[in-house]
Amino acid sequence: MAKKALFTALSAKARDNEIIILENLKFPEAKTRHAAELFKNLSHADTLENIVKTRTLVALPEKSKDLKQALRNLPRVGMNEARNLNAHEVLQYRYILIPKDVLKVFK
């Protein structure tokens, strides 16, 4: 039941173009400025101009100290491992940022 609810929530996000798939999510250093630069670059897309101003969830492929360190100081950005996501958490955020590595977890 919980898995079906998660996939329903993700389907709704996909239908509303609120899921962003990235090739990879790696930064040269574990610095917040690199993560902030990523969100700034994403905000230049036509459909994502307010990504910096709204809540965004980053689905992590696995535990990553470097990614957590880079993302934790950004306002309105949450993160969780993909295997721990649930429908309630997905619906709390406007956008879901998913690296391609995470798609394997959902199969």
N, C-alpha and C. Protein backbone atom coordinates (compact mmCIF):
# COMPACT_ATOMS: atom_id res chain seq x y z
N MET A 1 0.82 -1.20 0.00
CA MET A 1 0.00 0.00 0.00
C MET A 1 0.87 1.26 0.00
N ALA A 2 1.91 1.28 0.84
CA ALA A 2 2.78 2.45 0.92
C ALA A 2 3.54 2.65 -0.39
N LYS A 3 3.95 1.55 -1.02
CA LYS A 3 4.67 1.64 -2.29
C LYS A 3 3.76 2.20 -3.39
N LYS A 4 2.51 1.77 -3.38
CA LYS A 4 1.56 2.27 -4.37
C LYS A 4 1.30 3.76 -4.15
N ALA A 5 1.21 4.18 -2.90
CA ALA A 5 1.01 5.60 -2.59
C ALA A 5 2.20 6.44 -3.06
N LEU A 6 3.40 5.92 -2.85
CA LEU A 6 4.60 6.62 -3.30
C LEU A 6 4.60 6.78 -4.82
N PHE A 7 4.30 5.71 -5.55
CA PHE A 7 4.29 5.79 -7.00
C PHE A 7 3.16 6.68 -7.52
N THR A 8 2.05 6.73 -6.81
CA THR A 8 0.96 7.64 -7.19
C THR A 8 1.40 9.09 -7.00
N ALA A 9 2.07 9.37 -5.88
CA ALA A 9 2.56 10.73 -5.62
C ALA A 9 3.60 11.13 -6.65
N LEU A 10 4.52 10.22 -6.99
CA LEU A 10 5.53 10.51 -8.00
C LEU A 10 4.90 10.70 -9.38
N SER A 11 3.86 9.94 -9.68
CA SER A 11 3.16 10.09 -10.95
C SER A 11 2.50 11.46 -11.06
N ALA A 12 1.92 11.91 -9.96
CA ALA A 12 1.30 13.24 -9.95
C ALA A 12 2.35 14.32 -10.17
N LYS A 13 3.51 14.17 -9.54
CA LYS A 13 4.60 15.13 -9.72
C LYS A 13 5.08 15.12 -11.18
N ALA A 14 5.19 13.94 -11.77
CA ALA A 14 5.64 13.83 -13.16
C ALA A 14 4.61 14.47 -14.10
N ARG A 15 3.35 14.25 -13.83
CA ARG A 15 2.28 14.83 -14.66
C ARG A 15 2.33 16.36 -14.62
N ASP A 16 2.71 16.92 -13.46
CA ASP A 16 2.77 18.38 -13.30
C ASP A 16 4.15 18.94 -13.63
N ASN A 17 5.03 18.12 -14.22
CA ASN A 17 6.40 18.52 -14.58
C ASN A 17 7.17 19.06 -13.37
N GLU A 18 7.04 18.38 -12.24
CA GLU A 18 7.72 18.80 -11.01
C GLU A 18 8.82 17.82 -10.60
N ILE A 19 9.19 16.92 -11.51
CA ILE A 19 10.32 16.02 -11.27
C ILE A 19 11.43 16.42 -12.22
N ILE A 20 12.61 16.58 -11.68
CA ILE A 20 13.78 16.95 -12.47
C ILE A 20 14.77 15.80 -12.39
N ILE A 21 15.12 15.23 -13.54
CA ILE A 21 16.08 14.13 -13.60
C ILE A 21 17.43 14.70 -14.03
N LEU A 22 18.45 14.44 -13.24
CA LEU A 22 19.80 14.89 -13.56
C LEU A 22 20.66 13.70 -13.96
N GLU A 23 21.61 13.94 -14.85
CA GLU A 23 22.53 12.89 -15.27
C GLU A 23 23.29 12.36 -14.05
N ASN A 24 23.86 13.26 -13.28
CA ASN A 24 24.49 12.88 -12.02
C ASN A 24 24.44 14.06 -11.06
N LEU A 25 24.68 13.78 -9.83
CA LEU A 25 24.64 14.82 -8.80
C LEU A 25 25.94 14.71 -8.01
N LYS A 26 26.97 15.28 -8.60
CA LYS A 26 28.29 15.27 -7.96
C LYS A 26 28.85 16.68 -8.02
N PHE A 27 29.53 17.04 -6.96
CA PHE A 27 30.15 18.36 -6.88
C PHE A 27 31.65 18.18 -6.73
N PRO A 28 32.45 19.14 -7.24
CA PRO A 28 33.91 19.02 -7.12
C PRO A 28 34.36 18.97 -5.66
N GLU A 29 33.66 19.73 -4.81
CA GLU A 29 33.95 19.74 -3.38
C GLU A 29 32.61 19.70 -2.64
N ALA A 30 32.64 19.32 -1.41
CA ALA A 30 31.43 19.27 -0.60
C ALA A 30 31.14 20.66 -0.04
N LYS A 31 30.85 21.58 -0.93
CA LYS A 31 30.60 22.97 -0.53
C LYS A 31 29.19 23.38 -0.94
N THR A 32 28.56 24.15 -0.09
CA THR A 32 27.20 24.62 -0.35
C THR A 32 27.15 25.50 -1.59
N ARG A 33 28.21 26.23 -1.86
CA ARG A 33 28.18 27.14 -3.02
C ARG A 33 28.01 26.37 -4.33
N HIS A 34 28.55 25.15 -4.41
CA HIS A 34 28.37 24.34 -5.62
C HIS A 34 26.91 23.92 -5.78
N ALA A 35 26.28 23.54 -4.67
CA ALA A 35 24.87 23.16 -4.72
C ALA A 35 24.00 24.37 -5.05
N ALA A 36 24.33 25.52 -4.47
CA ALA A 36 23.58 26.74 -4.75
C ALA A 36 23.71 27.12 -6.22
N GLU A 37 24.87 26.91 -6.79
CA GLU A 37 25.10 27.19 -8.21
C GLU A 37 24.24 26.28 -9.09
N LEU A 38 24.11 25.01 -8.71
CA LEU A 38 23.26 24.07 -9.44
C LEU A 38 21.82 24.56 -9.46
N PHE A 39 21.30 24.97 -8.30
CA PHE A 39 19.92 25.45 -8.24
C PHE A 39 19.75 26.76 -9.00
N LYS A 40 20.76 27.61 -8.97
CA LYS A 40 20.70 28.85 -9.73
C LYS A 40 20.64 28.56 -11.22
N ASN A 41 21.45 27.60 -11.68
CA ASN A 41 21.44 27.23 -13.10
C ASN A 41 20.11 26.59 -13.50
N LEU A 42 19.54 25.78 -12.62
CA LEU A 42 18.23 25.18 -12.91
C LEU A 42 17.14 26.24 -13.00
N SER A 43 17.27 27.30 -12.25
CA SER A 43 16.24 28.34 -12.24
C SER A 43 16.18 29.12 -13.55
N HIS A 44 17.18 28.97 -14.40
CA HIS A 44 17.16 29.66 -15.69
C HIS A 44 16.27 28.96 -16.72
N ALA A 45 15.87 27.72 -16.43
CA ALA A 45 14.94 27.00 -17.32
C ALA A 45 13.56 27.64 -17.22
N ASP A 46 12.83 27.64 -18.32
CA ASP A 46 11.52 28.31 -18.36
C ASP A 46 10.55 27.78 -17.32
N THR A 47 10.48 26.48 -17.15
CA THR A 47 9.50 25.91 -16.23
C THR A 47 9.98 25.86 -14.79
N LEU A 48 11.24 26.16 -14.55
CA LEU A 48 11.79 26.04 -13.20
C LEU A 48 12.26 27.37 -12.62
N GLU A 49 11.72 28.48 -13.11
CA GLU A 49 12.25 29.77 -12.66
C GLU A 49 12.09 30.01 -11.16
N ASN A 50 11.14 29.35 -10.51
CA ASN A 50 10.96 29.58 -9.07
C ASN A 50 11.48 28.42 -8.22
N ILE A 51 12.37 27.59 -8.75
CA ILE A 51 12.88 26.45 -7.98
C ILE A 51 13.67 26.92 -6.76
N VAL A 52 14.28 28.08 -6.85
CA VAL A 52 15.06 28.60 -5.73
C VAL A 52 14.14 29.08 -4.60
N LYS A 53 12.92 29.46 -4.94
CA LYS A 53 11.99 30.02 -3.95
C LYS A 53 11.02 29.01 -3.36
N THR A 54 10.98 27.79 -3.90
CA THR A 54 10.03 26.79 -3.41
C THR A 54 10.79 25.60 -2.82
N ARG A 55 10.06 24.78 -2.11
CA ARG A 55 10.65 23.61 -1.46
C ARG A 55 11.00 22.54 -2.50
N THR A 56 12.22 22.02 -2.39
CA THR A 56 12.71 21.00 -3.31
C THR A 56 13.29 19.85 -2.52
N LEU A 57 12.93 18.64 -2.92
CA LEU A 57 13.45 17.43 -2.29
C LEU A 57 14.48 16.81 -3.23
N VAL A 58 15.64 16.47 -2.69
CA VAL A 58 16.67 15.81 -3.46
C VAL A 58 16.70 14.34 -3.03
N ALA A 59 16.46 13.45 -3.97
CA ALA A 59 16.50 12.01 -3.70
C ALA A 59 17.93 11.53 -3.91
N LEU A 60 18.56 11.09 -2.84
CA LEU A 60 19.95 10.65 -2.92
C LEU A 60 20.01 9.16 -3.25
N PRO A 61 20.97 8.75 -4.10
CA PRO A 61 21.08 7.33 -4.45
C PRO A 61 21.48 6.47 -3.25
N GLU A 62 22.38 6.96 -2.43
CA GLU A 62 22.79 6.27 -1.21
C GLU A 62 23.31 7.32 -0.24
N LYS A 63 23.65 6.89 0.96
CA LYS A 63 24.19 7.84 1.92
C LYS A 63 25.45 8.46 1.35
N SER A 64 25.50 9.76 1.39
CA SER A 64 26.67 10.46 0.87
C SER A 64 26.96 11.65 1.77
N LYS A 65 28.03 11.56 2.48
CA LYS A 65 28.41 12.63 3.40
C LYS A 65 28.65 13.92 2.63
N ASP A 66 29.29 13.82 1.46
CA ASP A 66 29.62 15.00 0.68
C ASP A 66 28.36 15.72 0.17
N LEU A 67 27.40 14.94 -0.35
CA LEU A 67 26.16 15.55 -0.85
C LEU A 67 25.36 16.18 0.29
N LYS A 68 25.29 15.48 1.40
CA LYS A 68 24.56 16.03 2.55
C LYS A 68 25.20 17.33 3.03
N GLN A 69 26.52 17.35 3.06
CA GLN A 69 27.24 18.54 3.49
C GLN A 69 27.00 19.71 2.53
N ALA A 70 26.94 19.42 1.24
CA ALA A 70 26.74 20.48 0.25
C ALA A 70 25.30 21.01 0.26
N LEU A 71 24.33 20.15 0.55
CA LEU A 71 22.93 20.54 0.45
C LEU A 71 22.29 21.01 1.76
N ARG A 72 22.86 20.65 2.89
CA ARG A 72 22.16 20.87 4.16
C ARG A 72 21.94 22.34 4.52
N ASN A 73 22.77 23.24 4.03
CA ASN A 73 22.62 24.65 4.39
C ASN A 73 21.75 25.45 3.42
N LEU A 74 21.24 24.79 2.40
CA LEU A 74 20.38 25.50 1.45
C LEU A 74 18.97 25.59 2.03
N PRO A 75 18.40 26.79 2.03
CA PRO A 75 17.03 26.92 2.54
C PRO A 75 16.04 26.24 1.59
N ARG A 76 15.00 25.67 2.15
CA ARG A 76 13.91 25.05 1.40
C ARG A 76 14.35 23.84 0.57
N VAL A 77 15.48 23.23 0.91
CA VAL A 77 15.94 22.03 0.22
C VAL A 77 16.03 20.91 1.25
N GLY A 78 15.32 19.82 0.96
CA GLY A 78 15.39 18.64 1.80
C GLY A 78 16.06 17.52 1.04
N MET A 79 16.53 16.53 1.77
CA MET A 79 17.17 15.40 1.10
C MET A 79 16.87 14.14 1.86
N ASN A 80 16.81 13.06 1.12
CA ASN A 80 16.58 11.75 1.70
C ASN A 80 17.04 10.70 0.70
N GLU A 81 17.43 9.56 1.22
CA GLU A 81 17.79 8.46 0.33
C GLU A 81 16.53 7.99 -0.38
N ALA A 82 16.67 7.61 -1.62
CA ALA A 82 15.51 7.19 -2.42
C ALA A 82 14.80 6.00 -1.80
N ARG A 83 15.53 5.08 -1.20
CA ARG A 83 14.90 3.90 -0.61
C ARG A 83 14.05 4.24 0.61
N ASN A 84 14.24 5.43 1.18
CA ASN A 84 13.49 5.84 2.36
C ASN A 84 12.36 6.82 2.05
N LEU A 85 12.15 7.15 0.79
CA LEU A 85 11.09 8.10 0.44
C LEU A 85 9.71 7.51 0.71
N ASN A 86 8.78 8.39 1.05
CA ASN A 86 7.40 7.97 1.21
C ASN A 86 6.50 9.04 0.58
N ALA A 87 5.25 8.70 0.38
CA ALA A 87 4.32 9.59 -0.32
C ALA A 87 4.15 10.91 0.41
N HIS A 88 4.06 10.86 1.73
CA HIS A 88 3.88 12.09 2.51
C HIS A 88 5.03 13.06 2.28
N GLU A 89 6.24 12.55 2.31
CA GLU A 89 7.42 13.39 2.11
C GLU A 89 7.45 13.97 0.69
N VAL A 90 7.13 13.16 -0.30
CA VAL A 90 7.13 13.62 -1.70
C VAL A 90 6.12 14.74 -1.89
N LEU A 91 4.96 14.63 -1.26
CA LEU A 91 3.92 15.64 -1.42
C LEU A 91 4.19 16.92 -0.66
N GLN A 92 5.11 16.91 0.29
CA GLN A 92 5.46 18.12 1.04
C GLN A 92 6.30 19.09 0.22
N TYR A 93 6.92 18.61 -0.82
CA TYR A 93 7.83 19.43 -1.63
C TYR A 93 7.22 19.70 -2.99
N ARG A 94 7.56 20.85 -3.55
CA ARG A 94 7.05 21.22 -4.89
C ARG A 94 7.80 20.46 -5.98
N TYR A 95 9.13 20.46 -5.90
CA TYR A 95 9.95 19.80 -6.91
C TYR A 95 10.72 18.63 -6.29
N ILE A 96 10.96 17.62 -7.11
CA ILE A 96 11.76 16.47 -6.71
C ILE A 96 12.94 16.39 -7.67
N LEU A 97 14.14 16.45 -7.14
CA LEU A 97 15.37 16.38 -7.93
C LEU A 97 15.92 14.96 -7.81
N ILE A 98 16.00 14.26 -8.94
CA ILE A 98 16.39 12.85 -8.93
C ILE A 98 17.56 12.62 -9.87
N PRO A 99 18.70 12.18 -9.34
CA PRO A 99 19.79 11.76 -10.23
C PRO A 99 19.43 10.44 -10.91
N LYS A 100 19.99 10.17 -12.07
CA LYS A 100 19.68 8.95 -12.82
C LYS A 100 19.97 7.68 -12.03
N ASP A 101 20.97 7.72 -11.15
CA ASP A 101 21.32 6.55 -10.33
C ASP A 101 20.13 6.08 -9.49
N VAL A 102 19.28 6.99 -9.11
CA VAL A 102 18.16 6.69 -8.22
C VAL A 102 17.08 5.90 -8.93
N LEU A 103 16.97 6.03 -10.22
CA LEU A 103 15.89 5.35 -10.96
C LEU A 103 15.96 3.84 -10.78
N LYS A 104 17.16 3.29 -10.56
CA LYS A 104 17.31 1.85 -10.32
C LYS A 104 16.61 1.43 -9.03
N VAL A 105 16.60 2.31 -8.05
CA VAL A 105 15.99 2.00 -6.75
C VAL A 105 14.49 1.85 -6.88
N PHE A 106 13.88 2.60 -7.80
CA PHE A 106 12.42 2.59 -7.95
C PHE A 106 11.91 1.38 -8.74
N LYS A 107 12.79 0.61 -9.37
CA LYS A 107 12.33 -0.53 -10.17
C LYS A 107 12.01 -1.73 -9.34
